[in-house]
């Protein structure tokens, strides 16, 4: 994968008023932190948007800071407006060659399971990403997972994912990632649920009828 570069600038004004002014100017307040401390930055909104679409939080982004050279980073956290979804703030994590990092990596499922094609099964994706721990140089952009041979009733776990050189999965091996559910089992469970619900409604209706009959008897005796 090609290197991803992002020009940034040092941010002189910090705080709420300074951040608001930057956003009005089409900039995003940001910060890069690591072993050398923390530096406030600003980045052009349109430039960051292009990089975010390409890198997300699973690829190394080389920020190019005016007067300070290049720094290999990972987009560690983002803040968005809950109403408009626009970016409000970005945290970059400075990387060093000999320091392992953890990051969420997207899972790229390949093929259509045989259980879906020929066995009337339904694909259930339990997780679209998985957290890994590795050195920056070993960080994968995505993990390809072949699911063509999954039959109805099969479950693929963390322990079944491809073993990548220098990459460790942080979740337990038995955690489910993707499975092929059996359609007939689901339908039977749904039918049982509907039958139980109908029986409950009928039982409530019977109790109401008995109560009404008892009420009519009482009024006749008085």
N, C-alpha and C. Protein backbone atom coordinates (compact mmCIF):
# COMPACT_ATOMS: atom_id res chain seq x y z
N UNK A 1 0.84 -1.20 0.00
CA UNK A 1 0.00 0.00 0.00
C UNK A 1 0.88 1.25 0.00
N UNK A 2 0.48 2.26 -0.77
CA UNK A 2 1.25 3.49 -0.84
C UNK A 2 1.23 4.23 0.49
N UNK A 3 2.32 4.95 0.75
CA UNK A 3 2.38 5.74 1.98
C UNK A 3 1.32 6.84 1.95
N UNK A 4 0.78 7.13 3.10
CA UNK A 4 -0.26 8.15 3.22
C UNK A 4 0.33 9.35 3.94
N UNK A 5 0.29 10.49 3.29
CA UNK A 5 0.87 11.71 3.86
C UNK A 5 -0.23 12.75 4.12
N UNK A 6 -0.02 13.52 5.17
CA UNK A 6 -0.99 14.55 5.54
C UNK A 6 -0.26 15.78 6.04
N UNK A 7 -0.38 16.92 5.33
CA UNK A 7 0.25 18.15 5.82
C UNK A 7 -0.52 18.71 7.02
N UNK A 8 0.20 19.13 8.04
CA UNK A 8 -0.40 19.74 9.23
C UNK A 8 0.41 20.96 9.60
N UNK A 9 -0.14 21.76 10.50
CA UNK A 9 0.56 22.94 10.99
C UNK A 9 0.48 23.00 12.51
N UNK A 10 1.47 23.65 13.11
CA UNK A 10 1.44 23.84 14.55
C UNK A 10 0.31 24.79 14.91
N UNK A 11 -0.40 24.47 15.97
CA UNK A 11 -1.53 25.30 16.41
C UNK A 11 -1.07 26.17 17.57
N UNK A 12 -1.14 27.49 17.36
CA UNK A 12 -0.68 28.42 18.39
C UNK A 12 -1.72 28.62 19.47
N UNK A 13 -2.99 28.81 19.04
CA UNK A 13 -4.06 29.08 20.00
C UNK A 13 -4.74 27.78 20.39
N UNK A 14 -4.85 27.55 21.69
CA UNK A 14 -5.54 26.37 22.18
C UNK A 14 -6.73 26.83 23.02
N UNK A 15 -7.63 25.90 23.30
CA UNK A 15 -8.81 26.26 24.07
C UNK A 15 -10.04 26.35 23.18
N UNK A 16 -11.19 26.55 23.81
CA UNK A 16 -12.46 26.54 23.11
C UNK A 16 -12.59 27.60 22.03
N UNK A 17 -12.22 28.84 22.34
CA UNK A 17 -12.39 29.92 21.37
C UNK A 17 -11.47 29.74 20.17
N UNK A 18 -10.24 29.30 20.44
CA UNK A 18 -9.30 29.06 19.35
C UNK A 18 -9.75 27.93 18.45
N UNK A 19 -10.29 26.86 19.05
CA UNK A 19 -10.76 25.72 18.27
C UNK A 19 -11.95 26.11 17.42
N UNK A 20 -12.87 26.89 17.97
CA UNK A 20 -14.04 27.33 17.21
C UNK A 20 -13.64 28.18 16.02
N UNK A 21 -12.66 29.05 16.22
CA UNK A 21 -12.19 29.90 15.13
C UNK A 21 -11.58 29.06 14.01
N UNK A 22 -10.81 28.03 14.39
CA UNK A 22 -10.21 27.15 13.38
C UNK A 22 -11.28 26.45 12.55
N UNK A 23 -12.31 25.96 13.21
CA UNK A 23 -13.38 25.25 12.48
C UNK A 23 -14.09 26.18 11.50
N UNK A 24 -14.27 27.43 11.90
CA UNK A 24 -14.90 28.39 10.99
C UNK A 24 -14.01 28.64 9.77
N UNK A 25 -12.72 28.44 9.91
CA UNK A 25 -11.76 28.67 8.82
C UNK A 25 -11.52 27.40 8.00
N UNK A 26 -12.28 26.34 8.27
CA UNK A 26 -12.12 25.11 7.52
C UNK A 26 -10.97 24.24 7.99
N UNK A 27 -10.58 24.41 9.25
CA UNK A 27 -9.49 23.62 9.84
C UNK A 27 -10.06 22.72 10.96
N UNK A 28 -9.32 21.68 11.28
CA UNK A 28 -9.69 20.81 12.39
C UNK A 28 -8.61 20.91 13.47
N UNK A 29 -8.97 21.24 14.71
CA UNK A 29 -7.98 21.19 15.78
C UNK A 29 -7.52 19.74 15.98
N UNK A 30 -6.25 19.56 16.24
CA UNK A 30 -5.70 18.21 16.41
C UNK A 30 -4.57 18.24 17.42
N UNK A 31 -4.12 17.05 17.78
CA UNK A 31 -3.00 16.93 18.69
C UNK A 31 -2.25 15.65 18.33
N UNK A 32 -0.93 15.68 18.44
CA UNK A 32 -0.12 14.48 18.27
C UNK A 32 0.59 14.23 19.59
N UNK A 33 0.51 13.01 20.07
CA UNK A 33 1.15 12.70 21.34
C UNK A 33 1.95 11.41 21.23
N UNK A 34 2.96 11.32 22.07
CA UNK A 34 3.84 10.16 22.05
C UNK A 34 4.87 10.28 23.15
N UNK A 35 5.98 9.60 22.98
CA UNK A 35 7.02 9.62 24.01
C UNK A 35 7.62 11.01 24.20
N UNK A 36 7.59 11.80 23.14
CA UNK A 36 8.18 13.14 23.23
C UNK A 36 7.24 14.19 23.77
N UNK A 37 6.04 13.79 24.19
CA UNK A 37 5.09 14.75 24.72
C UNK A 37 3.92 14.98 23.78
N UNK A 38 3.27 16.11 23.93
CA UNK A 38 2.07 16.43 23.15
C UNK A 38 2.23 17.76 22.45
N UNK A 39 1.81 17.80 21.17
CA UNK A 39 1.88 19.05 20.42
C UNK A 39 0.51 19.33 19.81
N UNK A 40 -0.02 20.57 19.97
CA UNK A 40 -1.29 20.93 19.33
C UNK A 40 -1.07 21.24 17.85
N UNK A 41 -1.97 20.74 17.02
CA UNK A 41 -1.85 20.91 15.58
C UNK A 41 -3.17 21.41 15.00
N UNK A 42 -3.12 21.74 13.72
CA UNK A 42 -4.33 22.01 12.95
C UNK A 42 -4.14 21.40 11.58
N UNK A 43 -5.25 20.92 11.00
CA UNK A 43 -5.18 20.27 9.70
C UNK A 43 -6.37 20.72 8.87
N UNK A 44 -6.14 20.92 7.58
CA UNK A 44 -7.21 21.34 6.69
C UNK A 44 -8.27 20.25 6.61
N UNK A 45 -9.53 20.66 6.72
CA UNK A 45 -10.64 19.70 6.78
C UNK A 45 -10.68 18.79 5.56
N UNK A 46 -10.62 19.36 4.37
CA UNK A 46 -10.73 18.56 3.15
C UNK A 46 -9.58 17.57 3.02
N UNK A 47 -8.38 17.99 3.43
CA UNK A 47 -7.22 17.10 3.36
C UNK A 47 -7.37 15.92 4.32
N UNK A 48 -7.86 16.21 5.52
CA UNK A 48 -8.04 15.13 6.49
C UNK A 48 -9.12 14.17 6.03
N UNK A 49 -10.20 14.69 5.46
CA UNK A 49 -11.29 13.84 5.01
C UNK A 49 -10.80 12.82 3.99
N UNK A 50 -9.95 13.23 3.05
CA UNK A 50 -9.40 12.31 2.05
C UNK A 50 -8.55 11.24 2.72
N UNK A 51 -7.73 11.64 3.68
CA UNK A 51 -6.87 10.69 4.37
C UNK A 51 -7.69 9.73 5.22
N UNK A 52 -8.73 10.22 5.88
CA UNK A 52 -9.57 9.38 6.72
C UNK A 52 -10.24 8.28 5.89
N UNK A 53 -10.73 8.64 4.70
CA UNK A 53 -11.37 7.66 3.84
C UNK A 53 -10.39 6.59 3.40
N UNK A 54 -9.14 6.96 3.26
CA UNK A 54 -8.12 6.02 2.79
C UNK A 54 -7.51 5.20 3.92
N UNK A 55 -7.30 5.84 5.07
CA UNK A 55 -6.55 5.19 6.15
C UNK A 55 -7.41 4.71 7.30
N UNK A 56 -8.46 5.47 7.64
CA UNK A 56 -9.21 5.13 8.84
C UNK A 56 -8.27 5.11 10.05
N UNK A 57 -8.51 4.15 10.94
CA UNK A 57 -7.64 4.00 12.11
C UNK A 57 -6.75 2.78 12.00
N UNK A 58 -6.60 2.27 10.76
CA UNK A 58 -5.85 1.02 10.59
C UNK A 58 -4.63 1.15 9.69
N UNK A 59 -4.27 2.37 9.31
CA UNK A 59 -3.10 2.56 8.45
C UNK A 59 -2.23 3.68 9.01
N UNK A 60 -0.93 3.55 8.76
CA UNK A 60 0.01 4.57 9.22
C UNK A 60 -0.15 5.83 8.36
N UNK A 61 -0.25 6.96 9.03
CA UNK A 61 -0.35 8.26 8.36
C UNK A 61 0.89 9.08 8.71
N UNK A 62 1.63 9.49 7.71
CA UNK A 62 2.82 10.32 7.94
C UNK A 62 2.40 11.78 7.90
N UNK A 63 2.40 12.42 9.07
CA UNK A 63 2.05 13.85 9.09
C UNK A 63 3.31 14.67 8.81
N UNK A 64 3.13 15.68 8.00
CA UNK A 64 4.25 16.54 7.61
C UNK A 64 4.02 17.91 8.22
N UNK A 65 4.72 18.14 9.31
CA UNK A 65 4.54 19.37 10.07
C UNK A 65 5.58 20.40 9.66
N UNK A 66 5.10 21.57 9.30
CA UNK A 66 5.98 22.62 8.83
C UNK A 66 7.02 22.97 9.90
N UNK A 67 8.29 22.87 9.53
CA UNK A 67 9.39 23.19 10.44
C UNK A 67 9.81 22.06 11.35
N UNK A 68 9.08 20.93 11.34
CA UNK A 68 9.41 19.82 12.23
C UNK A 68 9.58 18.49 11.49
N UNK A 69 9.44 18.50 10.19
CA UNK A 69 9.67 17.28 9.42
C UNK A 69 8.48 16.33 9.44
N UNK A 70 8.77 15.04 9.21
CA UNK A 70 7.73 14.03 9.09
C UNK A 70 7.67 13.16 10.34
N UNK A 71 6.45 12.74 10.67
CA UNK A 71 6.24 11.88 11.83
C UNK A 71 5.25 10.78 11.45
N UNK A 72 5.64 9.53 11.68
CA UNK A 72 4.74 8.40 11.44
C UNK A 72 3.74 8.33 12.58
N UNK A 73 2.45 8.31 12.23
CA UNK A 73 1.41 8.33 13.26
C UNK A 73 0.28 7.35 12.90
N UNK A 74 -0.59 7.18 13.86
CA UNK A 74 -1.83 6.45 13.67
C UNK A 74 -2.95 7.36 14.15
N UNK A 75 -4.04 7.43 13.40
CA UNK A 75 -5.19 8.20 13.87
C UNK A 75 -5.79 7.43 15.04
N UNK A 76 -5.57 7.94 16.23
CA UNK A 76 -5.94 7.21 17.45
C UNK A 76 -7.38 7.45 17.86
N UNK A 77 -7.86 8.67 17.69
CA UNK A 77 -9.23 9.00 18.11
C UNK A 77 -9.73 10.20 17.32
N UNK A 78 -11.04 10.22 17.10
CA UNK A 78 -11.66 11.36 16.43
C UNK A 78 -12.89 11.78 17.24
N UNK A 79 -13.22 13.05 17.14
CA UNK A 79 -14.44 13.56 17.75
C UNK A 79 -15.30 14.17 16.66
N UNK A 80 -16.62 13.79 16.65
CA UNK A 80 -17.52 14.29 15.63
C UNK A 80 -18.73 14.94 16.27
N UNK A 81 -19.31 15.89 15.53
CA UNK A 81 -20.54 16.52 15.98
C UNK A 81 -21.67 15.49 15.90
N UNK A 82 -22.39 15.22 16.99
CA UNK A 82 -23.44 14.19 16.97
C UNK A 82 -24.60 14.51 16.04
N UNK A 83 -24.79 15.78 15.69
CA UNK A 83 -25.89 16.15 14.81
C UNK A 83 -25.49 16.18 13.34
N UNK A 84 -24.33 16.77 13.05
CA UNK A 84 -23.90 16.94 11.66
C UNK A 84 -22.87 15.92 11.21
N UNK A 85 -22.24 15.21 12.15
CA UNK A 85 -21.23 14.19 11.87
C UNK A 85 -19.92 14.78 11.34
N UNK A 86 -19.74 16.10 11.39
CA UNK A 86 -18.48 16.69 10.93
C UNK A 86 -17.40 16.45 11.98
N UNK A 87 -16.15 16.43 11.52
CA UNK A 87 -15.02 16.22 12.42
C UNK A 87 -14.78 17.47 13.27
N UNK A 88 -14.61 17.27 14.56
CA UNK A 88 -14.36 18.38 15.48
C UNK A 88 -12.93 18.37 16.03
N UNK A 89 -12.35 17.18 16.16
CA UNK A 89 -11.01 17.08 16.74
C UNK A 89 -10.39 15.74 16.35
N UNK A 90 -9.07 15.72 16.23
CA UNK A 90 -8.36 14.49 15.86
C UNK A 90 -7.15 14.30 16.78
N UNK A 91 -6.96 13.06 17.24
CA UNK A 91 -5.77 12.70 18.01
C UNK A 91 -4.90 11.79 17.16
N UNK A 92 -3.64 12.16 17.00
CA UNK A 92 -2.66 11.33 16.31
C UNK A 92 -1.71 10.71 17.34
N UNK A 93 -1.41 9.44 17.19
CA UNK A 93 -0.45 8.76 18.05
C UNK A 93 0.88 8.63 17.32
N UNK A 94 1.94 9.22 17.89
CA UNK A 94 3.26 9.12 17.28
C UNK A 94 3.80 7.70 17.45
N UNK A 95 4.32 7.13 16.36
CA UNK A 95 4.81 5.76 16.37
C UNK A 95 6.33 5.71 16.40
N UNK A 96 6.85 4.70 17.06
CA UNK A 96 8.28 4.41 17.03
C UNK A 96 8.48 2.97 16.59
N UNK A 97 9.57 2.70 15.89
CA UNK A 97 9.79 1.40 15.28
C UNK A 97 9.73 0.24 16.27
N UNK A 98 10.27 0.44 17.47
CA UNK A 98 10.42 -0.67 18.41
C UNK A 98 9.30 -0.73 19.45
N UNK A 99 8.24 0.07 19.27
CA UNK A 99 7.17 0.11 20.26
C UNK A 99 5.89 -0.45 19.65
N UNK A 100 5.39 -1.56 20.22
CA UNK A 100 4.18 -2.20 19.70
C UNK A 100 2.96 -1.32 19.94
N UNK A 101 2.01 -1.40 19.03
CA UNK A 101 0.78 -0.62 19.13
C UNK A 101 -0.42 -1.57 19.00
N UNK A 102 -1.57 -1.10 19.45
CA UNK A 102 -2.82 -1.83 19.23
C UNK A 102 -3.72 -0.97 18.36
N UNK A 103 -4.44 -1.62 17.46
CA UNK A 103 -5.31 -0.88 16.54
C UNK A 103 -6.42 -1.79 16.04
N UNK A 104 -7.61 -1.21 15.76
CA UNK A 104 -8.69 -2.00 15.16
C UNK A 104 -8.46 -2.13 13.66
N UNK A 105 -8.50 -3.36 13.15
CA UNK A 105 -8.26 -3.61 11.74
C UNK A 105 -9.52 -4.16 11.09
N UNK A 106 -9.95 -3.61 9.95
CA UNK A 106 -11.17 -4.11 9.28
C UNK A 106 -10.97 -5.54 8.78
N UNK A 107 -12.06 -6.31 8.84
CA UNK A 107 -12.06 -7.66 8.27
C UNK A 107 -12.71 -7.61 6.90
N UNK A 108 -12.04 -8.19 5.91
CA UNK A 108 -12.55 -8.21 4.54
C UNK A 108 -12.95 -9.65 4.21
N UNK A 109 -14.27 -9.92 4.24
CA UNK A 109 -14.76 -11.27 4.02
C UNK A 109 -14.80 -11.58 2.52
N UNK A 110 -14.19 -12.71 2.15
CA UNK A 110 -14.07 -13.08 0.75
C UNK A 110 -14.99 -14.25 0.42
N UNK A 111 -15.77 -14.11 -0.64
CA UNK A 111 -16.61 -15.18 -1.11
C UNK A 111 -17.95 -15.26 -0.40
N UNK A 112 -18.80 -16.15 -0.92
CA UNK A 112 -20.10 -16.41 -0.33
C UNK A 112 -20.11 -17.81 0.25
N UNK A 113 -20.48 -17.98 1.52
CA UNK A 113 -20.43 -19.31 2.14
C UNK A 113 -21.30 -20.32 1.40
N UNK A 114 -20.81 -21.57 1.35
CA UNK A 114 -21.58 -22.64 0.74
C UNK A 114 -22.89 -22.84 1.49
N UNK A 115 -22.89 -22.56 2.79
CA UNK A 115 -24.11 -22.69 3.58
C UNK A 115 -25.19 -21.70 3.19
N UNK A 116 -24.78 -20.57 2.61
CA UNK A 116 -25.74 -19.58 2.12
C UNK A 116 -26.19 -19.94 0.71
N UNK A 117 -25.23 -20.37 -0.11
CA UNK A 117 -25.52 -20.67 -1.52
C UNK A 117 -26.43 -21.87 -1.68
N UNK A 118 -26.17 -22.95 -0.93
CA UNK A 118 -26.84 -24.22 -1.21
C UNK A 118 -27.60 -24.82 -0.03
N UNK A 119 -27.50 -24.23 1.15
CA UNK A 119 -28.09 -24.86 2.34
C UNK A 119 -29.11 -23.97 3.04
N UNK A 120 -29.53 -22.93 2.37
CA UNK A 120 -30.56 -22.04 2.90
C UNK A 120 -30.15 -21.39 4.22
N UNK A 121 -28.84 -21.18 4.39
CA UNK A 121 -28.35 -20.54 5.60
C UNK A 121 -28.31 -19.03 5.46
N UNK A 122 -28.08 -18.37 6.58
CA UNK A 122 -28.03 -16.90 6.61
C UNK A 122 -26.71 -16.47 7.25
N UNK A 123 -26.00 -15.57 6.58
CA UNK A 123 -24.71 -15.09 7.08
C UNK A 123 -24.91 -14.11 8.22
N UNK A 124 -24.25 -14.35 9.35
CA UNK A 124 -24.29 -13.45 10.50
C UNK A 124 -22.87 -12.95 10.78
N UNK A 125 -22.64 -11.65 10.58
CA UNK A 125 -21.34 -11.06 10.87
C UNK A 125 -21.36 -10.50 12.29
N UNK A 126 -20.59 -11.09 13.18
CA UNK A 126 -20.57 -10.66 14.57
C UNK A 126 -19.61 -9.47 14.78
N UNK A 127 -18.61 -9.34 13.93
CA UNK A 127 -17.66 -8.25 14.08
C UNK A 127 -17.08 -7.90 12.71
N UNK A 128 -17.05 -6.61 12.40
CA UNK A 128 -16.49 -6.15 11.13
C UNK A 128 -15.02 -5.75 11.27
N UNK A 129 -14.49 -5.80 12.46
CA UNK A 129 -13.08 -5.46 12.69
C UNK A 129 -12.56 -6.26 13.88
N UNK A 130 -11.26 -6.30 14.01
CA UNK A 130 -10.64 -7.03 15.12
C UNK A 130 -9.42 -6.23 15.58
N UNK A 131 -9.18 -6.21 16.88
CA UNK A 131 -8.03 -5.47 17.42
C UNK A 131 -6.78 -6.34 17.36
N UNK A 132 -5.69 -5.74 16.91
CA UNK A 132 -4.41 -6.45 16.84
C UNK A 132 -3.33 -5.67 17.58
N UNK A 133 -2.27 -6.38 17.91
CA UNK A 133 -1.10 -5.74 18.53
C UNK A 133 0.13 -6.15 17.73
N UNK A 134 0.91 -5.14 17.33
CA UNK A 134 2.09 -5.42 16.51
C UNK A 134 2.98 -4.19 16.46
N UNK A 135 4.14 -4.35 15.86
CA UNK A 135 5.00 -3.21 15.59
C UNK A 135 4.42 -2.42 14.41
N UNK A 136 4.69 -1.12 14.34
CA UNK A 136 4.13 -0.31 13.25
C UNK A 136 4.40 -0.87 11.86
N UNK A 137 5.59 -1.43 11.66
CA UNK A 137 5.94 -1.94 10.33
C UNK A 137 5.11 -3.15 9.93
N UNK A 138 4.53 -3.85 10.92
CA UNK A 138 3.75 -5.06 10.63
C UNK A 138 2.25 -4.80 10.59
N UNK A 139 1.83 -3.57 10.76
CA UNK A 139 0.41 -3.25 10.85
C UNK A 139 -0.30 -3.50 9.51
N UNK A 140 -1.29 -4.40 9.48
CA UNK A 140 -2.03 -4.62 8.22
C UNK A 140 -3.13 -3.58 8.05
N UNK A 141 -3.40 -3.22 6.80
CA UNK A 141 -4.48 -2.27 6.54
C UNK A 141 -5.84 -2.94 6.69
N UNK A 142 -5.91 -4.23 6.32
CA UNK A 142 -7.12 -5.03 6.49
C UNK A 142 -6.71 -6.50 6.55
N UNK A 143 -7.63 -7.33 7.01
CA UNK A 143 -7.36 -8.76 7.10
C UNK A 143 -8.37 -9.48 6.21
N UNK A 144 -7.87 -10.19 5.20
CA UNK A 144 -8.73 -10.94 4.29
C UNK A 144 -9.11 -12.27 4.93
N UNK A 145 -10.42 -12.58 4.94
CA UNK A 145 -10.91 -13.81 5.55
C UNK A 145 -11.76 -14.57 4.54
N UNK A 146 -11.32 -15.76 4.17
CA UNK A 146 -12.05 -16.59 3.21
C UNK A 146 -13.19 -17.32 3.95
N UNK A 147 -14.42 -17.07 3.54
CA UNK A 147 -15.57 -17.69 4.22
C UNK A 147 -16.36 -18.60 3.28
N UNK A 148 -15.82 -18.90 2.10
CA UNK A 148 -16.56 -19.69 1.12
C UNK A 148 -16.92 -21.08 1.61
N UNK A 149 -16.07 -21.68 2.47
CA UNK A 149 -16.29 -23.07 2.88
C UNK A 149 -17.13 -23.21 4.14
N UNK A 150 -17.72 -22.14 4.62
CA UNK A 150 -18.57 -22.23 5.80
C UNK A 150 -19.93 -22.83 5.45
N UNK A 151 -20.31 -23.87 6.20
CA UNK A 151 -21.61 -24.51 6.01
C UNK A 151 -22.61 -23.95 7.02
N UNK A 152 -23.89 -24.24 6.80
CA UNK A 152 -24.92 -23.83 7.75
C UNK A 152 -24.61 -24.43 9.12
N UNK A 153 -24.59 -23.59 10.14
CA UNK A 153 -24.24 -24.03 11.48
C UNK A 153 -22.79 -23.82 11.85
N UNK A 154 -21.94 -23.48 10.87
CA UNK A 154 -20.52 -23.25 11.14
C UNK A 154 -20.30 -21.86 11.75
N UNK A 155 -19.27 -21.78 12.61
CA UNK A 155 -18.88 -20.52 13.23
C UNK A 155 -17.37 -20.34 13.05
N UNK A 156 -16.97 -19.15 12.62
CA UNK A 156 -15.56 -18.83 12.49
C UNK A 156 -15.16 -17.94 13.66
N UNK A 157 -14.11 -18.33 14.38
CA UNK A 157 -13.68 -17.63 15.59
C UNK A 157 -12.40 -16.84 15.35
N UNK A 158 -12.04 -16.04 16.33
CA UNK A 158 -10.78 -15.28 16.28
C UNK A 158 -9.62 -16.22 16.02
N UNK A 159 -9.62 -17.38 16.67
CA UNK A 159 -8.55 -18.34 16.50
C UNK A 159 -8.45 -18.92 15.11
N UNK A 160 -9.50 -18.74 14.29
CA UNK A 160 -9.49 -19.25 12.92
C UNK A 160 -9.01 -18.22 11.91
N UNK A 161 -8.78 -16.99 12.34
CA UNK A 161 -8.34 -15.94 11.42
C UNK A 161 -6.92 -16.21 10.95
N UNK A 162 -6.56 -15.67 9.78
CA UNK A 162 -5.20 -15.88 9.25
C UNK A 162 -4.12 -15.42 10.24
N UNK A 163 -3.07 -16.19 10.35
CA UNK A 163 -1.94 -15.83 11.19
C UNK A 163 -0.98 -14.97 10.37
N UNK A 164 -0.80 -13.73 10.78
CA UNK A 164 0.04 -12.79 10.05
C UNK A 164 1.36 -12.60 10.79
N UNK A 165 2.49 -12.54 10.09
CA UNK A 165 3.79 -12.39 10.74
C UNK A 165 3.85 -11.15 11.63
N UNK A 166 4.20 -11.34 12.89
CA UNK A 166 4.38 -10.23 13.81
C UNK A 166 3.10 -9.64 14.35
N UNK A 167 1.94 -10.23 14.02
CA UNK A 167 0.65 -9.68 14.42
C UNK A 167 -0.04 -10.62 15.40
N UNK A 168 -0.46 -10.08 16.54
CA UNK A 168 -1.20 -10.85 17.54
C UNK A 168 -2.61 -10.29 17.68
N UNK A 169 -3.60 -11.20 17.78
CA UNK A 169 -4.97 -10.78 18.05
C UNK A 169 -5.15 -10.63 19.55
N UNK A 170 -5.76 -9.53 19.98
CA UNK A 170 -5.88 -9.26 21.41
C UNK A 170 -7.09 -9.94 22.04
N UNK A 171 -8.09 -10.33 21.24
CA UNK A 171 -9.28 -10.99 21.77
C UNK A 171 -9.02 -12.48 21.99
N UNK A 172 -9.85 -13.12 22.81
CA UNK A 172 -9.73 -14.54 23.07
C UNK A 172 -10.02 -15.34 21.79
N UNK A 173 -9.33 -16.46 21.59
CA UNK A 173 -9.49 -17.25 20.35
C UNK A 173 -10.91 -17.74 20.11
N UNK A 174 -11.68 -17.96 21.19
CA UNK A 174 -13.02 -18.53 21.02
C UNK A 174 -14.09 -17.49 20.69
N UNK A 175 -13.73 -16.21 20.61
CA UNK A 175 -14.71 -15.17 20.28
C UNK A 175 -15.17 -15.34 18.84
N UNK A 176 -16.50 -15.36 18.62
CA UNK A 176 -17.06 -15.56 17.28
C UNK A 176 -16.88 -14.30 16.43
N UNK A 177 -16.55 -14.51 15.16
CA UNK A 177 -16.38 -13.42 14.21
C UNK A 177 -17.50 -13.41 13.18
N UNK A 178 -17.77 -14.58 12.61
CA UNK A 178 -18.82 -14.70 11.60
C UNK A 178 -19.38 -16.11 11.65
N UNK A 179 -20.65 -16.27 11.33
CA UNK A 179 -21.27 -17.59 11.35
C UNK A 179 -22.33 -17.67 10.27
N UNK A 180 -22.74 -18.93 9.98
CA UNK A 180 -23.84 -19.15 9.04
C UNK A 180 -24.98 -19.79 9.82
N UNK A 181 -26.03 -19.02 10.04
CA UNK A 181 -27.18 -19.51 10.79
C UNK A 181 -28.05 -20.43 9.94
N UNK A 182 -28.70 -21.36 10.59
CA UNK A 182 -29.59 -22.28 9.90
C UNK A 182 -30.98 -21.68 9.81
N UNK A 183 -31.45 -21.46 8.60
CA UNK A 183 -32.73 -20.79 8.37
C UNK A 183 -33.89 -21.57 8.99
N UNK A 184 -33.86 -22.91 8.89
CA UNK A 184 -34.96 -23.71 9.40
C UNK A 184 -35.04 -23.62 10.92
N UNK A 185 -33.88 -23.62 11.57
CA UNK A 185 -33.86 -23.48 13.02
C UNK A 185 -34.43 -22.14 13.43
N UNK A 186 -34.05 -21.09 12.71
CA UNK A 186 -34.57 -19.76 13.00
C UNK A 186 -36.08 -19.70 12.83
N UNK A 187 -36.56 -20.32 11.72
CA UNK A 187 -38.00 -20.29 11.46
C UNK A 187 -38.76 -21.04 12.55
N UNK A 188 -38.21 -22.20 13.00
CA UNK A 188 -38.88 -22.96 14.04
C UNK A 188 -38.93 -22.17 15.34
N UNK A 189 -37.82 -21.49 15.66
CA UNK A 189 -37.78 -20.68 16.88
C UNK A 189 -38.79 -19.54 16.80
N UNK A 190 -38.90 -18.94 15.61
CA UNK A 190 -39.86 -17.85 15.44
C UNK A 190 -41.29 -18.36 15.59
N UNK A 191 -41.56 -19.55 15.02
CA UNK A 191 -42.90 -20.13 15.12
C UNK A 191 -43.25 -20.45 16.57
N UNK A 192 -42.26 -20.99 17.31
CA UNK A 192 -42.50 -21.30 18.72
C UNK A 192 -42.82 -20.03 19.50
N UNK A 193 -42.08 -18.96 19.18
CA UNK A 193 -42.32 -17.70 19.86
C UNK A 193 -43.71 -17.16 19.57
N UNK A 194 -44.13 -17.26 18.30
CA UNK A 194 -45.46 -16.78 17.92
C UNK A 194 -46.54 -17.61 18.59
N UNK A 195 -46.33 -18.96 18.65
CA UNK A 195 -47.31 -19.84 19.27
C UNK A 195 -47.45 -19.53 20.76
N UNK A 196 -46.30 -19.30 21.42
CA UNK A 196 -46.34 -18.99 22.85
C UNK A 196 -47.05 -17.66 23.09
N UNK A 197 -46.82 -16.70 22.19
CA UNK A 197 -47.46 -15.40 22.34
C UNK A 197 -48.97 -15.52 22.14
N UNK A 198 -49.39 -16.32 21.13
CA UNK A 198 -50.82 -16.52 20.89
C UNK A 198 -51.48 -17.23 22.06
N UNK A 199 -50.77 -18.23 22.64
CA UNK A 199 -51.31 -18.95 23.79
C UNK A 199 -51.49 -18.02 24.98
N UNK A 200 -50.53 -17.10 25.15
CA UNK A 200 -50.63 -16.14 26.25
C UNK A 200 -51.81 -15.21 26.07
N UNK A 201 -52.03 -14.77 24.81
CA UNK A 201 -53.16 -13.89 24.54
C UNK A 201 -54.47 -14.62 24.77
N UNK A 202 -54.52 -15.90 24.33
CA UNK A 202 -55.74 -16.69 24.52
C UNK A 202 -56.03 -16.91 25.99
N UNK A 203 -54.97 -17.16 26.76
CA UNK A 203 -55.14 -17.40 28.19
C UNK A 203 -55.66 -16.14 28.89
N UNK A 204 -55.12 -15.01 28.49
CA UNK A 204 -55.60 -13.75 29.08
C UNK A 204 -57.06 -13.51 28.71
N UNK A 205 -57.41 -13.85 27.46
CA UNK A 205 -58.79 -13.67 27.04
C UNK A 205 -59.73 -14.57 27.81
N UNK A 206 -59.28 -15.83 28.11
CA UNK A 206 -60.10 -16.76 28.89
C UNK A 206 -60.31 -16.25 30.29
N UNK A 207 -59.25 -15.72 30.90
CA UNK A 207 -59.38 -15.19 32.26
C UNK A 207 -60.35 -14.02 32.29
N UNK A 208 -60.29 -13.19 31.25
CA UNK A 208 -61.20 -12.03 31.20
C UNK A 208 -62.64 -12.50 31.08
N UNK A 209 -62.86 -13.54 30.25
CA UNK A 209 -64.23 -14.04 30.06
C UNK A 209 -64.77 -14.63 31.35
N UNK A 210 -63.91 -15.36 32.07
CA UNK A 210 -64.34 -15.93 33.35
C UNK A 210 -64.68 -14.82 34.33
N UNK A 211 -63.90 -13.78 34.34
CA UNK A 211 -64.15 -12.66 35.25
C UNK A 211 -65.48 -11.99 34.93
N UNK A 212 -65.78 -11.85 33.64
CA UNK A 212 -67.03 -11.22 33.24
C UNK A 212 -68.22 -12.08 33.65
N UNK A 213 -68.06 -13.42 33.48
CA UNK A 213 -69.15 -14.32 33.84
C UNK A 213 -69.42 -14.27 35.34
N UNK A 214 -68.31 -14.23 36.10
CA UNK A 214 -68.47 -14.16 37.55
C UNK A 214 -69.16 -12.86 37.95
N UNK A 215 -68.83 -11.79 37.27
CA UNK A 215 -69.44 -10.50 37.57
C UNK A 215 -70.92 -10.52 37.27
N UNK A 216 -71.31 -11.18 36.18
CA UNK A 216 -72.72 -11.23 35.83
C UNK A 216 -73.50 -12.05 36.85
N UNK A 217 -72.88 -13.14 37.34
CA UNK A 217 -73.55 -13.97 38.34
C UNK A 217 -73.78 -13.20 39.62
N UNK A 218 -72.80 -12.42 40.04
CA UNK A 218 -72.93 -11.66 41.28
C UNK A 218 -74.07 -10.66 41.19
N UNK A 219 -74.16 -10.01 40.01
CA UNK A 219 -75.19 -8.98 39.88
C UNK A 219 -76.58 -9.59 39.87
N UNK A 220 -76.67 -10.88 39.40
CA UNK A 220 -77.98 -11.51 39.38
C UNK A 220 -78.46 -11.88 40.76
N UNK A 221 -77.55 -12.24 41.68
CA UNK A 221 -77.94 -12.65 43.03
C UNK A 221 -78.41 -11.47 43.88
N UNK A 222 -77.94 -10.32 43.62
CA UNK A 222 -78.26 -9.16 44.48
C UNK A 222 -79.63 -8.61 44.16
